[in-house]
Protein backbone atom coordinates (compact mmCIF):
# COMPACT_ATOMS: atom_id res chain seq x y z
CA UNK A 1 0.00 0.00 0.00
CA UNK A 2 1.33 3.38 -0.97
CA UNK A 3 1.93 5.96 1.70
CA UNK A 4 0.87 9.37 0.24
CA UNK A 5 3.09 11.30 2.63
CA UNK A 6 6.25 9.42 1.80
CA UNK A 7 9.09 11.14 -0.03
CA UNK A 8 9.73 9.37 -3.38
CA UNK A 9 13.00 7.58 -3.77
CA UNK A 10 15.76 9.27 -5.72
CA UNK A 11 16.06 8.25 -9.34
CA UNK A 12 19.18 6.44 -10.44
CA UNK A 13 21.85 8.71 -11.93
CA UNK A 14 21.59 7.10 -15.38
CA UNK A 15 17.83 7.82 -15.54
CA UNK A 16 18.39 11.44 -14.40
CA UNK A 17 20.86 12.02 -17.21
CA UNK A 18 18.45 10.57 -19.77
CA UNK A 19 15.59 12.70 -18.49
CA UNK A 20 17.70 15.87 -18.70
CA UNK A 21 18.63 15.11 -22.30
CA UNK A 22 14.97 14.56 -23.21
CA UNK A 23 13.86 17.82 -21.60
CA UNK A 24 16.63 19.72 -23.41
CA UNK A 25 15.51 18.25 -26.73
CA UNK A 26 11.88 19.16 -26.08
CA UNK A 27 12.82 22.77 -25.22
CA UNK A 28 14.91 23.03 -28.38
CA UNK A 29 11.99 21.79 -30.46
CA UNK A 30 9.60 24.23 -28.78
CA UNK A 31 11.70 27.37 -29.22
CA UNK A 32 10.88 27.97 -32.91
CA UNK A 33 7.18 27.59 -32.19
CA UNK A 34 7.41 30.01 -29.26
CA UNK A 35 9.29 32.49 -31.41
CA UNK A 36 6.61 32.27 -34.06
CA UNK A 37 3.93 32.91 -31.44
CA UNK A 38 5.42 36.25 -30.43
CA UNK A 39 3.75 39.43 -31.85
CA UNK A 40 5.14 40.27 -35.28
CA UNK A 41 5.05 43.98 -36.15
CA UNK A 42 5.03 44.26 -39.91
CA UNK A 43 5.67 47.79 -41.15
CA UNK A 44 3.58 48.69 -44.22
CA UNK A 45 5.34 49.75 -47.39
CA UNK A 46 6.06 53.49 -47.77
CA UNK A 47 3.10 55.48 -49.07
CA UNK A 48 2.75 56.42 -52.71
CA UNK A 49 1.72 60.05 -53.33
CA UNK A 50 0.78 61.93 -56.47
CA UNK A 51 1.86 65.53 -57.12
CA UNK A 52 0.92 67.69 -60.09
CA UNK A 53 3.24 70.64 -60.74
CA UNK A 54 2.69 73.56 -63.08
CA UNK A 55 5.60 74.17 -65.45
CA UNK A 56 7.06 77.67 -65.26
CA UNK A 57 9.15 78.93 -68.19
CA UNK A 58 10.54 82.28 -69.42
CA UNK A 59 13.91 81.85 -67.68
CA UNK A 60 15.72 85.08 -66.95
CA UNK A 61 12.55 87.18 -66.61
CA UNK A 62 12.93 90.67 -65.17
CA UNK A 63 12.45 91.25 -61.44
CA UNK A 64 9.99 93.73 -59.97
CA UNK A 65 10.67 96.30 -57.26
CA UNK A 66 8.46 96.32 -54.17
CA UNK A 67 8.32 97.96 -50.76
CA UNK A 68 7.04 95.24 -48.40
CA UNK A 69 3.34 95.50 -47.54
CA UNK A 70 2.75 98.70 -49.51
CA UNK A 71 0.93 99.20 -52.85
CA UNK A 72 3.11 99.77 -55.87
CA UNK A 73 5.09 97.71 -58.40
CA UNK A 74 8.26 99.22 -59.85
CA UNK A 75 10.67 98.29 -62.64
CA UNK A 76 13.49 98.48 -60.12
CA UNK A 77 14.23 99.85 -56.68
CA UNK A 78 15.59 102.99 -58.36
CA UNK A 79 11.98 103.94 -59.13
CA UNK A 80 10.61 103.53 -55.61
CA UNK A 81 9.88 106.49 -53.28
CA UNK A 82 12.94 107.84 -51.50
CA UNK A 83 13.73 106.58 -48.02
CA UNK A 84 10.65 104.41 -47.53
CA UNK A 85 9.64 103.52 -43.99
CA UNK A 86 7.24 101.03 -42.49
CA UNK A 87 3.81 102.71 -42.16
CA UNK A 88 3.23 104.10 -38.67
CA UNK A 89 6.91 103.83 -37.68
CA UNK A 90 10.29 105.36 -38.41
CA UNK A 91 11.80 101.96 -39.12
CA UNK A 92 13.34 101.51 -42.56
CA UNK A 93 11.49 99.20 -44.91
CA UNK A 94 13.85 98.95 -47.88
CA UNK A 95 12.85 98.04 -51.39
CA UNK A 96 13.42 94.53 -52.70
CA UNK A 97 13.68 93.27 -56.26
CA UNK A 98 11.91 89.92 -56.50
CA UNK A 99 10.48 87.42 -58.96
CA UNK A 100 13.37 86.85 -61.37
CA UNK A 101 14.30 83.18 -61.90
CA UNK A 102 17.08 82.23 -64.35
CA UNK A 103 15.89 78.66 -64.99
CA UNK A 104 12.75 76.67 -65.75
CA UNK A 105 11.06 74.84 -62.87
CA UNK A 106 7.82 73.35 -61.62
CA UNK A 107 5.61 74.30 -58.68
CA UNK A 108 2.72 72.44 -57.09
CA UNK A 109 -0.66 73.12 -58.69
CA UNK A 110 -2.12 73.04 -55.16
CA UNK A 111 -0.85 72.92 -51.60
CA UNK A 112 0.18 69.71 -49.81
CA UNK A 113 -2.95 68.21 -48.28
CA UNK A 114 -3.72 66.70 -44.90
CA UNK A 115 -4.13 63.29 -46.55
CA UNK A 116 -0.64 63.54 -48.02
CA UNK A 117 0.88 64.68 -44.75
CA UNK A 118 -0.80 61.84 -42.83
CA UNK A 119 0.64 59.36 -45.33
CA UNK A 120 4.06 60.95 -44.83
CA UNK A 121 3.78 60.68 -41.02
CA UNK A 122 2.83 57.02 -41.13
CA UNK A 123 5.69 56.33 -43.56
CA UNK A 124 8.53 58.06 -41.72
CA UNK A 125 7.22 57.48 -38.19
CA UNK A 126 5.56 54.04 -38.44
CA UNK A 127 5.77 53.36 -34.69
CA UNK A 128 4.36 56.76 -33.70
CA UNK A 129 7.31 57.95 -31.62
CA UNK A 130 7.37 61.50 -33.05
CA UNK A 131 11.12 61.80 -32.52
CA UNK A 132 11.44 64.36 -35.35
CA UNK A 133 8.73 66.72 -34.02
CA UNK A 134 6.55 66.25 -37.07
CA UNK A 135 3.30 66.35 -35.10
CA UNK A 136 1.85 68.27 -32.14
CA UNK A 137 -1.02 67.32 -29.80
CA UNK A 138 -2.76 70.62 -30.61
CA UNK A 139 -3.36 69.27 -34.13
CA UNK A 140 -5.92 66.74 -32.92
CA UNK A 141 -9.67 67.08 -33.21
CA UNK A 142 -10.04 66.62 -29.46
CA UNK A 143 -7.67 69.47 -28.64
CA UNK A 144 -8.96 71.79 -31.35
CA UNK A 145 -12.40 70.72 -32.68
CA UNK A 146 -12.63 73.33 -35.43
CA UNK A 147 -9.02 73.40 -36.67
CA UNK A 148 -7.44 70.13 -35.50
CA UNK A 149 -6.57 68.16 -38.63
CA UNK A 150 -4.77 65.00 -37.50
CA UNK A 151 -5.44 62.53 -34.68
CA UNK A 152 -2.82 60.32 -33.06
CA UNK A 153 -3.37 56.90 -31.46
CA UNK A 154 -0.59 55.23 -29.45
CA UNK A 155 -2.44 51.89 -29.55
CA UNK A 156 -2.66 51.58 -33.32
CA UNK A 157 -0.46 49.23 -35.31
CA UNK A 158 2.66 50.20 -37.25
CA UNK A 159 1.98 52.73 -39.96
CA UNK A 160 -1.48 53.54 -38.57
CA UNK A 161 -0.81 55.89 -35.66
CA UNK A 162 -1.88 59.02 -37.55
CA UNK A 163 -5.28 59.61 -39.17
CA UNK A 164 -7.27 62.59 -40.42
CA UNK A 165 -9.28 64.06 -37.52
CA UNK A 166 -12.39 64.04 -39.75
CA UNK A 167 -12.97 62.80 -43.31
CA UNK A 168 -13.39 66.35 -44.57
CA UNK A 169 -9.82 67.22 -43.61
CA UNK A 170 -8.21 64.90 -46.15
CA UNK A 171 -8.51 67.33 -49.08
CA UNK A 172 -7.68 70.52 -47.13
CA UNK A 173 -4.18 72.06 -47.03
CA UNK A 174 -2.01 70.83 -44.15
CA UNK A 175 -1.98 73.85 -41.84
CA UNK A 176 0.48 73.19 -38.99
CA UNK A 177 3.78 73.30 -40.86
CA UNK A 178 6.96 75.04 -39.84
CA UNK A 179 9.76 75.10 -42.39
CA UNK A 180 11.57 72.16 -40.80
CA UNK A 181 8.50 69.95 -41.17
CA UNK A 182 8.09 71.06 -44.77
CA UNK A 183 11.75 70.33 -45.51
CA UNK A 184 11.55 66.82 -44.02
CA UNK A 185 8.44 66.15 -46.09
CA UNK A 186 10.35 67.32 -49.16
CA UNK A 187 13.31 65.07 -48.30
CA UNK A 188 10.99 62.09 -48.09
CA UNK A 189 9.75 62.92 -51.60
CA UNK A 190 13.23 63.75 -52.94
CA UNK A 191 14.68 60.49 -51.58
CA UNK A 192 11.70 58.50 -52.81
CA UNK A 193 11.20 56.51 -55.99
CA UNK A 194 9.46 58.18 -58.94
CA UNK A 195 7.08 55.50 -60.23
CA UNK A 196 5.66 57.53 -63.10
CA UNK A 197 5.89 60.98 -64.70
CA UNK A 198 3.12 62.19 -67.02
CA UNK A 199 2.95 65.50 -68.91
CA UNK A 200 -0.30 67.23 -69.84
CA UNK A 201 -1.56 70.53 -71.28
CA UNK A 202 -4.74 72.43 -70.46
CA UNK A 203 -6.17 75.38 -72.41
CA UNK A 204 -4.56 77.30 -75.26
CA UNK A 205 -2.89 80.61 -76.06
CA UNK A 206 -2.14 82.84 -73.09
CA UNK A 207 -4.19 80.48 -70.91
CA UNK A 208 -2.33 77.34 -71.93
CA UNK A 209 -0.98 75.65 -68.84
CA UNK A 210 1.47 72.77 -68.88
CA UNK A 211 1.73 70.26 -66.06
CA UNK A 212 3.76 67.25 -64.95
CA UNK A 213 2.18 64.67 -62.66
CA UNK A 214 4.57 62.61 -60.55
CA UNK A 215 3.68 59.42 -58.72
CA UNK A 216 6.29 58.96 -55.97
CA UNK A 217 6.84 56.23 -53.39
CA UNK A 218 8.04 58.09 -50.31
CA UNK A 219 11.31 57.34 -48.54
CA UNK A 220 11.58 56.89 -44.78
CA UNK A 221 14.77 58.95 -44.90
CA UNK A 222 14.17 62.60 -43.96
CA UNK A 223 17.40 63.77 -42.30
CA UNK A 224 19.17 64.40 -45.59
CA UNK A 225 18.13 64.70 -49.20
CA UNK A 226 17.44 68.08 -50.77
CA UNK A 227 17.98 69.63 -47.32
CA UNK A 228 20.52 68.56 -44.69
CA UNK A 229 18.50 68.73 -41.49
CA UNK A 230 21.63 68.43 -39.36
CA UNK A 231 22.50 71.99 -40.39
CA UNK A 232 21.24 74.99 -38.42
CA UNK A 233 20.01 76.61 -41.64
CA UNK A 234 19.30 73.89 -44.23
CA UNK A 235 19.68 74.95 -47.86
CA UNK A 236 19.35 73.08 -51.15
CA UNK A 237 22.05 70.51 -51.70
CA UNK A 238 21.30 69.79 -55.37
CA UNK A 239 20.32 71.64 -58.52
CA UNK A 240 17.89 68.90 -59.49
CA UNK A 241 14.97 67.38 -57.64
CA UNK A 242 12.00 68.18 -55.43
CA UNK A 243 12.19 71.36 -53.34
CA UNK A 244 10.25 73.80 -51.23
CA UNK A 245 9.96 76.74 -53.66
CA UNK A 246 12.16 79.79 -53.11
CA UNK A 247 10.59 83.22 -52.68
CA UNK A 248 11.46 84.17 -56.27
CA UNK A 249 10.10 80.88 -57.66
CA UNK A 250 6.92 81.30 -55.62
CA UNK A 251 6.40 84.95 -56.67
CA UNK A 252 7.07 84.30 -60.35
CA UNK A 253 4.57 81.44 -60.43
CA UNK A 254 1.92 83.51 -58.65
CA UNK A 255 2.34 86.95 -60.26
CA UNK A 256 4.55 87.04 -63.37
CA UNK A 257 2.60 87.13 -66.64
CA UNK A 258 4.53 85.74 -69.64
CA UNK A 259 2.39 87.82 -72.06
CA UNK A 260 3.28 91.11 -70.36
CA UNK A 261 -0.12 91.84 -68.81
CA UNK A 262 -0.15 93.70 -65.52
CA UNK A 263 2.40 96.26 -64.34
CA UNK A 264 5.89 95.53 -65.62
CA UNK A 265 4.50 92.05 -66.47
CA UNK A 266 3.48 91.39 -62.86
CA UNK A 267 0.01 90.96 -61.41
CA UNK A 268 -0.83 92.54 -58.10
CA UNK A 269 -2.92 89.56 -56.95
CA UNK A 270 -2.39 85.90 -57.89
CA UNK A 271 -5.93 86.13 -59.31
CA UNK A 272 -5.35 88.97 -61.78
CA UNK A 273 -3.38 92.08 -62.76
CA UNK A 274 -5.31 94.71 -60.77
CA UNK A 275 -3.36 97.42 -58.95
CA UNK A 276 -4.93 98.59 -55.66
CA UNK A 277 -6.76 101.91 -55.67
CA UNK A 278 -7.19 104.06 -52.56
CA UNK A 279 -9.53 101.30 -51.43
CA UNK A 280 -7.61 98.09 -52.26
CA UNK A 281 -10.68 95.89 -51.86
CA UNK A 282 -12.29 97.55 -54.88
CA UNK A 283 -9.85 95.64 -57.10
CA UNK A 284 -9.58 92.52 -54.96
CA UNK A 285 -10.84 89.04 -55.84
CA UNK A 286 -14.12 87.89 -54.36
CA UNK A 287 -14.02 86.01 -51.04
CA UNK A 288 -15.01 82.34 -50.98
CA UNK A 289 -18.06 80.99 -49.20
CA UNK A 290 -17.96 77.46 -47.82
CA UNK A 291 -20.32 74.61 -47.14
CA UNK A 292 -20.50 74.74 -43.32
CA UNK A 293 -20.33 70.94 -43.03
CA UNK A 294 -17.59 70.10 -45.55
CA UNK A 295 -15.43 73.15 -46.25
CA UNK A 296 -16.16 72.87 -49.97
CA UNK A 297 -16.35 76.14 -51.93
CA UNK A 298 -19.94 77.03 -52.80
CA UNK A 299 -19.46 80.14 -54.98
CA UNK A 300 -16.87 79.00 -57.54
CA UNK A 301 -19.04 80.55 -60.26
CA UNK A 302 -18.07 84.02 -58.97
CA UNK A 303 -14.61 84.73 -60.37
CA UNK A 304 -11.92 85.73 -59.54
CA UNK A 305 -12.03 84.07 -56.15
CA UNK A 306 -9.76 83.62 -53.12
CA UNK A 307 -10.03 82.62 -49.46
CA UNK A 308 -9.38 85.73 -47.35
CA UNK A 309 -11.39 87.81 -44.86
CA UNK A 310 -13.03 90.65 -46.77
CA UNK A 311 -13.84 93.77 -44.78
CA UNK A 312 -17.44 93.90 -43.60
CA UNK A 313 -18.14 90.28 -44.56
CA UNK A 314 -18.05 87.06 -42.53
CA UNK A 315 -14.93 84.95 -42.96
CA UNK A 316 -15.11 81.48 -44.50
CA UNK A 317 -16.32 78.94 -41.94
CA UNK A 318 -17.01 75.23 -41.58
CA UNK A 319 -17.12 72.73 -38.71
CA UNK A 320 -16.02 69.07 -39.11
CA UNK A 321 -18.83 66.53 -39.28
CA UNK A 322 -17.72 64.70 -36.12
CA UNK A 323 -17.75 67.87 -34.00
CA UNK A 324 -20.56 69.93 -32.52
CA UNK A 325 -21.12 73.60 -33.31
CA UNK A 326 -20.60 74.42 -29.66
CA UNK A 327 -17.22 72.68 -29.61
CA UNK A 328 -16.14 74.39 -32.84
CA UNK A 329 -17.02 77.80 -31.45
CA UNK A 330 -15.66 77.41 -27.93
CA UNK A 331 -13.03 74.68 -27.44
CA UNK A 332 -9.45 75.67 -28.24
CA UNK A 333 -6.00 74.56 -26.98
CA UNK A 334 -5.00 78.00 -25.71
CA UNK A 335 -8.15 78.27 -23.56
CA UNK A 336 -9.33 81.59 -24.95
CA UNK A 337 -12.79 82.73 -23.82
CA UNK A 338 -15.47 82.07 -26.44
CA UNK A 339 -15.93 85.69 -27.55
CA UNK A 340 -12.21 86.38 -27.84
CA UNK A 341 -11.69 83.07 -29.63
CA UNK A 342 -14.45 83.79 -32.14
CA UNK A 343 -12.89 87.18 -32.93
CA UNK A 344 -9.30 85.93 -33.22
CA UNK A 345 -9.99 82.75 -35.26
CA UNK A 346 -12.52 83.57 -37.95
CA UNK A 347 -11.35 81.99 -41.21
CA UNK A 348 -11.30 78.31 -42.23
CA UNK A 349 -9.29 76.50 -44.91
CA UNK A 350 -11.18 75.31 -47.99
CA UNK A 351 -10.87 72.17 -50.09
CA UNK A 352 -7.75 72.58 -52.24
CA UNK A 353 -8.23 73.93 -55.75
CA UNK A 354 -11.93 74.70 -55.45
CA UNK A 355 -11.59 78.49 -55.57
CA UNK A 356 -10.86 77.77 -59.23
CA UNK A 357 -8.99 80.96 -60.20
CA UNK A 358 -5.77 80.08 -62.03
CA UNK A 359 -2.56 82.04 -61.63
CA UNK A 360 -0.50 83.08 -64.68
CA UNK A 361 1.19 79.64 -64.90
CA UNK A 362 -1.73 77.41 -63.89
CA UNK A 363 -1.44 77.19 -60.10
CA UNK A 364 -4.43 77.42 -57.79
CA UNK A 365 -4.84 79.29 -54.51
CA UNK A 366 -1.44 80.88 -54.20
CA UNK A 367 -3.63 83.73 -52.98
CA UNK A 368 -5.57 82.84 -49.83
CA UNK A 369 -6.17 79.52 -48.10
CA UNK A 370 -2.94 78.58 -46.23
CA UNK A 371 0.02 80.96 -46.15
CA UNK A 372 2.99 79.10 -47.61
CA UNK A 373 6.62 78.59 -46.65
CA UNK A 374 9.45 79.28 -49.05
CA UNK A 375 13.01 78.09 -48.46
CA UNK A 376 14.44 81.61 -48.81
CA UNK A 377 16.45 82.68 -45.76
CA UNK A 378 16.12 86.35 -44.80
CA UNK A 379 17.43 88.72 -42.16
CA UNK A 380 15.38 89.06 -38.96
CA UNK A 381 12.88 91.95 -39.16
CA UNK A 382 13.53 95.31 -37.52
CA UNK A 383 17.00 94.36 -36.35
CA UNK A 384 15.83 91.51 -34.12
CA UNK A 385 18.79 89.77 -32.47
CA UNK A 386 19.21 86.07 -31.79
CA UNK A 387 20.14 82.74 -33.33
CA UNK A 388 16.85 81.95 -35.03
CA UNK A 389 16.84 81.33 -38.77
CA UNK A 390 14.17 83.40 -40.55
CA UNK A 391 12.50 82.51 -43.86
CA UNK A 392 9.97 84.13 -46.16
CA UNK A 393 6.31 83.13 -46.41
CA UNK A 394 3.70 84.22 -48.92
CA UNK A 395 0.05 83.86 -49.85
CA UNK A 396 -2.41 85.21 -47.27
CA UNK A 397 -4.79 83.30 -45.00
CA UNK A 398 -8.59 83.02 -44.48
CA UNK A 399 -8.28 85.06 -41.29
CA UNK A 400 -6.45 88.05 -42.83
CA UNK A 401 -7.46 91.05 -44.98
CA UNK A 402 -6.89 91.22 -48.71
CA UNK A 403 -3.53 93.03 -48.48
CA UNK A 404 -1.97 89.69 -47.50
CA UNK A 405 -2.58 88.63 -51.11
CA UNK A 406 -0.49 91.49 -52.52
CA UNK A 407 2.77 90.69 -54.26
CA UNK A 408 4.50 92.90 -51.69
CA UNK A 409 3.20 90.88 -48.71
CA UNK A 410 6.43 88.98 -48.04
CA UNK A 411 6.38 88.33 -44.32
CA UNK A 412 9.28 86.62 -42.48
CA UNK A 413 8.99 84.02 -39.73
CA UNK A 414 11.48 81.86 -37.83
CA UNK A 415 11.83 78.47 -39.52
CA UNK A 416 10.77 76.96 -36.20
CA UNK A 417 8.46 78.83 -33.85
CA UNK A 418 6.65 76.23 -31.76
CA UNK A 419 4.07 78.57 -30.24
CA UNK A 420 3.22 80.14 -33.61
CA UNK A 421 3.03 76.76 -35.32
CA UNK A 422 0.69 75.31 -32.71
CA UNK A 423 -1.62 78.33 -32.43
CA UNK A 424 -1.80 79.45 -36.08
CA UNK A 425 -3.61 76.71 -38.03
CA UNK A 426 -3.05 78.16 -41.52
CA UNK A 427 0.65 77.40 -42.15
CA UNK A 428 1.08 75.36 -45.32
CA UNK A 429 3.45 74.67 -48.21
CA UNK A 430 3.57 73.25 -51.72
CA UNK A 431 6.17 71.13 -53.50
CA UNK A 432 8.38 72.39 -56.32
CA UNK A 433 10.77 70.67 -58.71
CA UNK A 434 13.95 72.00 -60.32
CA UNK A 435 16.29 70.59 -62.92
CA UNK A 436 16.11 69.19 -66.43
CA UNK A 437 12.65 68.99 -67.93
CA UNK A 438 10.91 70.78 -65.05
CA UNK A 439 9.96 74.03 -66.77
CA UNK A 440 7.40 75.35 -69.26
CA UNK A 441 7.44 77.66 -72.24
């Protein structure tokens, strides 16, 4: 009879050795299966994006003289009023000669969209670590119901951490860019693989526009490419490839008329050759109106058209479909009171391209919608001291008056200003391309 409390006898040494060998063999056999059972994080392939650029020709065109933020277009700075100063101050505001480009090039027909920027984020930051500061929490729909464009989820799988905050945001301009974000986006495109390149022509005569459509598989590499992001002030490293347009490239595409129409061949607005009168809005384009649920333009039949805040009229407005009107009108990441917030943040971005007024080379919405970065480095304004790198922007915004659409509206900003970037939801950019075969006639 077996005694349940008894200690079992020790096994013979030979049997112990055999048992150890068997256990070792079983563990060895099990390891591959255990390894296969572990979670396997498969990173999706890099996104494929499509960009259409307008071809800009007439290399070596003449520049135009301007005094920043004042009416007037001059053949050269020799023709400008003597000793100009900034209105309301005694600070010098010297003339600049802008718009001359000695080569052919291409510039985006429209601005980079939220959908494209989301695809870029998920490509270059597939695990959602945000180590390159390409995203900010204020960009989410929860933080900013009316203006937040992109949501982030830490729990999503690789390549799925970033999504549009509402479906309607996909075809709007990305609006939270500083120059460093724009440059990294451009590097991803420049380092990517061009899968196809298709040329097309629209219209005829003076309204003939030529385009190139590129299909590009993005690269995960953003630190170098067209811009070396290890440098304090990144500049172009190649004469061929995708770029953020320079100030002169941007201005020529928006304002220079190859047929000589305008003043000294330059338009005052990207929508036409009018020169401001004593009341600049008399010669301004019409302001857009938007579908309040989608942000689509509803008055495209009224031309010329641009997204800016016309005096005495309500600014363009819409509220995403997954937000309430109350949230859109009150909730904001800087905790402004509702009345102050409504006054400070009046204009909304519209669906890209829908204003429908073409510039002289076939671009859309270089006037209004998001203000756009250029890669042109400039001196700090008014003698500001410090180590910041300043660059030029252009184009106007839905929240600003019509003068922001003038050719002379060439405002500078630091290439990285975190507070400005996260509280000013109208900062965009478009892609350009330089080098062989990039230009038009």
